[in-house]
Amino acid sequence: MSRANWPIAGLGVLWWWMETSYFGGNIGPGSVAELYADGLALVFYAAAFAFPPRKPLAKNVGKSGVADG
């Protein structure tokens, strides 16, 4: 995966695990609530790629007190 936001992807996996343990593992959704829960897991996965982690804004300062680079 290229530039994924792993904390958001982790939330998606956690949500998937919780909703699967609640509704049970089956091939298709059995109710509207389960369909909504599956859709929310997909939203978490999409957000993990839509909002990649940012690069740090501050530069590292060495022992000499001068910024690296």
C-alpha atoms as a PDB file:
ATOM      1  CA  MET A   1       0.000   0.000   0.000  1.00  0.00           C
ATOM      2  CA  SER A   2       1.340   3.341  -0.970  1.00  0.00           C
ATOM      3  CA  ARG A   3       1.095   6.154   1.553  1.00  0.00           C
ATOM      4  CA  ALA A   4      -1.736   4.749   3.664  1.00  0.00           C
ATOM      5  CA  ASN A   5      -2.749   6.321   6.928  1.00  0.00           C
ATOM      6  CA  TRP A   6      -2.271   3.262   9.135  1.00  0.00           C
ATOM      7  CA  PRO A   7      -4.147   4.512  12.239  1.00  0.00           C
ATOM      8  CA  ILE A   8      -7.294   5.070  10.156  1.00  0.00           C
ATOM      9  CA  ALA A   9      -6.845   1.695   8.439  1.00  0.00           C
ATOM     10  CA  GLY A  10      -6.495   0.171  11.918  1.00  0.00           C
ATOM     11  CA  LEU A  11      -9.814   1.726  12.903  1.00  0.00           C
ATOM     12  CA  GLY A  12     -11.343   0.125   9.827  1.00  0.00           C
ATOM     13  CA  VAL A  13     -10.006  -3.294  10.792  1.00  0.00           C
ATOM     14  CA  LEU A  14     -11.214  -2.838  14.381  1.00  0.00           C
ATOM     15  CA  TRP A  15     -14.657  -1.772  13.176  1.00  0.00           C
ATOM     16  CA  TRP A  16     -14.825  -4.735  10.784  1.00  0.00           C
ATOM     17  CA  TRP A  17     -13.896  -7.144  13.595  1.00  0.00           C
ATOM     18  CA  MET A  18     -16.494  -5.669  15.974  1.00  0.00           C
ATOM     19  CA  GLU A  19     -19.330  -5.682  13.462  1.00  0.00           C
ATOM     20  CA  THR A  20     -18.479  -9.195  12.252  1.00  0.00           C
ATOM     21  CA  SER A  21     -18.477 -10.484  15.819  1.00  0.00           C
ATOM     22  CA  TYR A  22     -21.847  -8.801  16.408  1.00  0.00           C
ATOM     23  CA  PHE A  23     -23.649  -9.780  13.183  1.00  0.00           C
ATOM     24  CA  GLY A  24     -21.749 -13.016  12.523  1.00  0.00           C
ATOM     25  CA  GLY A  25     -19.668 -14.001   9.548  1.00  0.00           C
ATOM     26  CA  ASN A  26     -21.797 -14.422   6.426  1.00  0.00           C
ATOM     27  CA  ILE A  27     -21.452 -13.798   2.701  1.00  0.00           C
ATOM     28  CA  GLY A  28     -24.045 -11.045   2.303  1.00  0.00           C
ATOM     29  CA  PRO A  29     -25.597  -8.544   4.693  1.00  0.00           C
ATOM     30  CA  GLY A  30     -28.665  -9.854   6.490  1.00  0.00           C
ATOM     31  CA  SER A  31     -30.146  -6.512   7.497  1.00  0.00           C
ATOM     32  CA  VAL A  32     -29.985  -2.814   6.776  1.00  0.00           C
ATOM     33  CA  ALA A  33     -27.961  -2.277   9.952  1.00  0.00           C
ATOM     34  CA  GLU A  34     -25.349  -4.768   8.811  1.00  0.00           C
ATOM     35  CA  LEU A  35     -25.195  -3.158   5.384  1.00  0.00           C
ATOM     36  CA  TYR A  36     -24.638   0.217   7.064  1.00  0.00           C
ATOM     37  CA  ALA A  37     -21.878  -1.250   9.261  1.00  0.00           C
ATOM     38  CA  ASP A  38     -20.133  -2.785   6.229  1.00  0.00           C
ATOM     39  CA  GLY A  39     -20.338   0.549   4.428  1.00  0.00           C
ATOM     40  CA  LEU A  40     -18.797   2.327   7.397  1.00  0.00           C
ATOM     41  CA  ALA A  41     -15.850  -0.092   7.350  1.00  0.00           C
ATOM     42  CA  LEU A  42     -15.335   0.708   3.653  1.00  0.00           C
ATOM     43  CA  VAL A  43     -15.431   4.436   4.470  1.00  0.00           C
ATOM     44  CA  PHE A  44     -12.622   3.921   6.998  1.00  0.00           C
ATOM     45  CA  TYR A  45     -10.527   2.098   4.387  1.00  0.00           C
ATOM     46  CA  ALA A  46     -11.165   4.796   1.775  1.00  0.00           C
ATOM     47  CA  ALA A  47     -10.266   7.542   4.263  1.00  0.00           C
ATOM     48  CA  ALA A  48      -6.972   5.789   5.018  1.00  0.00           C
ATOM     49  CA  PHE A  49      -5.912   6.374   1.414  1.00  0.00           C
ATOM     50  CA  ALA A  50      -7.677   9.714   0.903  1.00  0.00           C
ATOM     51  CA  PHE A  51      -5.821  11.325   3.816  1.00  0.00           C
ATOM     52  CA  PRO A  52      -2.207  10.081   3.734  1.00  0.00           C
ATOM     53  CA  PRO A  53       0.116  11.003   6.602  1.00  0.00           C
ATOM     54  CA  ARG A  54       1.807  14.372   6.288  1.00  0.00           C
ATOM     55  CA  LYS A  55       5.501  15.006   6.276  1.00  0.00           C
ATOM     56  CA  PRO A  56       6.807  16.718   9.441  1.00  0.00           C
ATOM     57  CA  LEU A  57       6.869  20.510   9.209  1.00  0.00           C
ATOM     58  CA  ALA A  58       9.727  21.119  11.646  1.00  0.00           C
ATOM     59  CA  LYS A  59      13.339  20.374  10.837  1.00  0.00           C
ATOM     60  CA  ASN A  60      15.496  18.385  13.221  1.00  0.00           C
ATOM     61  CA  VAL A  61      18.009  20.495  15.098  1.00  0.00           C
ATOM     62  CA  GLY A  62      21.331  18.847  15.870  1.00  0.00           C
ATOM     63  CA  LYS A  63      23.592  19.371  18.880  1.00  0.00           C
ATOM     64  CA  SER A  64      25.176  22.405  17.235  1.00  0.00           C
ATOM     65  CA  GLY A  65      21.834  24.243  17.223  1.00  0.00           C
ATOM     66  CA  VAL A  66      21.736  24.457  13.447  1.00  0.00           C
ATOM     67  CA  ALA A  67      18.947  22.800  11.466  1.00  0.00           C
ATOM     68  CA  ASP A  68      19.974  19.770   9.424  1.00  0.00           C
ATOM     69  CA  GLY A  69      19.773  20.067   5.640  1.00  0.00           C
END
